[in-house]
Each structure stands twice: as structure tokens, then as C-alpha cells.
C-alpha atoms as a PDB file:
ATOM      1  CA  MET A   1     124.873 -64.096-100.541  1.00  0.00           C
ATOM      2  CA  ALA A   2     121.344 -63.214 -99.467  1.00  0.00           C
ATOM      3  CA  ARG A   3     118.499 -63.734-101.920  1.00  0.00           C
ATOM      4  CA  ALA A   4     114.909 -62.623-102.382  1.00  0.00           C
ATOM      5  CA  ALA A   5     111.939 -64.978-102.629  1.00  0.00           C
ATOM      6  CA  VAL A   6     108.282 -64.742-103.571  1.00  0.00           C
ATOM      7  CA  ILE A   7     105.495 -66.980-102.287  1.00  0.00           C
ATOM      8  CA  GLY A   8     102.172 -66.968-104.098  1.00  0.00           C
ATOM      9  CA  GLU A   9     100.224 -67.858-107.177  1.00  0.00           C
ATOM     10  CA  ALA A  10     102.510 -68.762-110.076  1.00  0.00           C
ATOM     11  CA  VAL A  11     100.891 -66.290-112.463  1.00  0.00           C
ATOM     12  CA  ARG A  12     101.578 -63.374-110.069  1.00  0.00           C
ATOM     13  CA  ALA A  13     105.002 -64.517-108.847  1.00  0.00           C
ATOM     14  CA  ALA A  14     106.703 -65.862-111.976  1.00  0.00           C
ATOM     15  CA  GLY A  15     107.951 -62.494-113.241  1.00  0.00           C
ATOM     16  CA  PHE A  16     110.087 -62.037-110.133  1.00  0.00           C
ATOM     17  CA  ALA A  17     112.279 -64.928-111.301  1.00  0.00           C
ATOM     18  CA  LEU A  18     113.492 -62.675-114.123  1.00  0.00           C
ATOM     19  CA  ALA A  19     115.003 -60.413-111.453  1.00  0.00           C
ATOM     20  CA  GLY A  20     116.668 -63.376-109.741  1.00  0.00           C
ATOM     21  CA  ALA A  21     114.140 -64.057-106.999  1.00  0.00           C
ATOM     22  CA  VAL A  22     113.399 -67.580-105.838  1.00  0.00           C
ATOM     23  CA  VAL A  23     109.759 -68.243-106.762  1.00  0.00           C
ATOM     24  CA  LEU A  24     107.882 -70.596-104.459  1.00  0.00           C
ATOM     25  CA  ALA A  25     104.598 -71.128-106.283  1.00  0.00           C
ATOM     26  CA  ALA A  26     101.599 -71.750-104.034  1.00  0.00           C
ATOM     27  CA  GLU A  27      98.133 -72.230-105.442  1.00  0.00           C
ATOM     28  CA  ASN A  28      96.411 -73.057-102.140  1.00  0.00           C
ATOM     29  CA  PRO A  29      96.853 -72.618 -98.382  1.00  0.00           C
ATOM     30  CA  GLU A  30      98.682 -75.930 -97.910  1.00  0.00           C
ATOM     31  CA  GLU A  31     101.296 -75.091-100.560  1.00  0.00           C
ATOM     32  CA  ALA A  32     101.765 -71.601 -99.108  1.00  0.00           C
ATOM     33  CA  ARG A  33     102.339 -72.990 -95.607  1.00  0.00           C
ATOM     34  CA  ALA A  34     104.802 -75.584 -96.924  1.00  0.00           C
ATOM     35  CA  ALA A  35     106.783 -72.912 -98.818  1.00  0.00           C
ATOM     36  CA  TRP A  36     106.758 -70.698 -95.701  1.00  0.00           C
ATOM     37  CA  ARG A  37     108.109 -73.486 -93.479  1.00  0.00           C
ATOM     38  CA  GLU A  38     110.729 -74.590 -96.023  1.00  0.00           C
ATOM     39  CA  LEU A  39     112.032 -71.113 -96.837  1.00  0.00           C
ATOM     40  CA  PRO A  40     115.742 -71.401 -97.772  1.00  0.00           C
ATOM     41  CA  ALA A  41     118.136 -70.140 -95.096  1.00  0.00           C
ATOM     42  CA  ASP A  42     119.728 -67.493 -97.347  1.00  0.00           C
ATOM     43  CA  ILE A  43     116.493 -65.569 -98.009  1.00  0.00           C
ATOM     44  CA  ALA A  44     116.678 -61.967 -96.756  1.00  0.00           C
ATOM     45  CA  VAL A  45     113.646 -60.460 -98.532  1.00  0.00           C
ATOM     46  CA  LEU A  46     110.328 -62.273 -98.836  1.00  0.00           C
ATOM     47  CA  VAL A  47     107.411 -61.016-100.935  1.00  0.00           C
ATOM     48  CA  LEU A  48     103.969 -62.553-100.531  1.00  0.00           C
ATOM     49  CA  THR A  49     101.068 -62.165-102.919  1.00  0.00           C
ATOM     50  CA  GLY A  50      97.949 -60.835-101.215  1.00  0.00           C
ATOM     51  CA  ARG A  51      96.293 -64.226-101.431  1.00  0.00           C
ATOM     52  CA  ALA A  52      99.343 -66.016 -99.975  1.00  0.00           C
ATOM     53  CA  ALA A  53      99.408 -63.529 -97.092  1.00  0.00           C
ATOM     54  CA  ALA A  54      95.750 -64.302 -96.365  1.00  0.00           C
ATOM     55  CA  TRP A  55      96.407 -68.037 -96.544  1.00  0.00           C
ATOM     56  CA  LEU A  56      99.298 -67.754 -94.105  1.00  0.00           C
ATOM     57  CA  GLY A  57      97.200 -65.777 -91.638  1.00  0.00           C
ATOM     58  CA  ASP A  58      98.859 -65.977 -88.244  1.00  0.00           C
ATOM     59  CA  GLU A  59     101.767 -68.265 -89.182  1.00  0.00           C
ATOM     60  CA  PRO A  60     104.840 -67.141 -87.248  1.00  0.00           C
ATOM     61  CA  GLN A  61     107.516 -65.459 -89.323  1.00  0.00           C
ATOM     62  CA  PRO A  62     110.177 -68.051 -90.256  1.00  0.00           C
ATOM     63  CA  ARG A  63     113.081 -65.873 -89.086  1.00  0.00           C
ATOM     64  CA  ARG A  64     113.427 -62.432 -87.568  1.00  0.00           C
ATOM     65  CA  ASP A  65     116.065 -61.361 -90.095  1.00  0.00           C
ATOM     66  CA  VAL A  66     113.719 -61.620 -93.115  1.00  0.00           C
ATOM     67  CA  LEU A  67     112.209 -58.419 -94.525  1.00  0.00           C
ATOM     68  CA  LEU A  68     108.596 -59.231 -95.370  1.00  0.00           C
ATOM     69  CA  ALA A  69     106.479 -57.385 -97.965  1.00  0.00           C
ATOM     70  CA  VAL A  70     102.952 -58.101 -99.215  1.00  0.00           C
ATOM     71  CA  MET A  71     101.807 -57.249-102.748  1.00  0.00           C
ATOM     72  CA  PRO A  72      98.628 -55.207-102.997  1.00  0.00           C
ATOM     73  CA  VAL A  73      95.596 -57.239-103.987  1.00  0.00           C
END
């Protein structure tokens, strides 16, 4: 079964766990890049906090079949 995930600051991402999303907390660029590269294979929807999106910059999308959304800042 496909799941949703959130990458970003713990304080902004934690609430998504209540809806069943996998929360990959990232408090700096290195943690965001590591979470991006190690994204579980069953993730179909990925939400990034605005800060995480900025940290990831031009990183290539992990897979083409992942729907990507960015939270407003």
C-alpha cells in the first residue's frame, strides 16, 4: 500500500503523523538531503516544508511516480 511522507522541520511536520504520514524530520540541509535520498520505496505522496524545499534546491526527484507538494512558507 502506498503511503505519504513529510520532510521538514519536526515542529511543522509532526502533525502529519496523526494522519498516518511518515515524518522524516530534518532540521538542516544535510538531514533533508539524507531523508530525500533514503525515501522509502512505498511513498506515493511527498510533502516538503518550505525550508526543506529550499534546502533540497536542485536535488533530483527520487522517483518519477512520487507526487510532490511544498507547504507555503
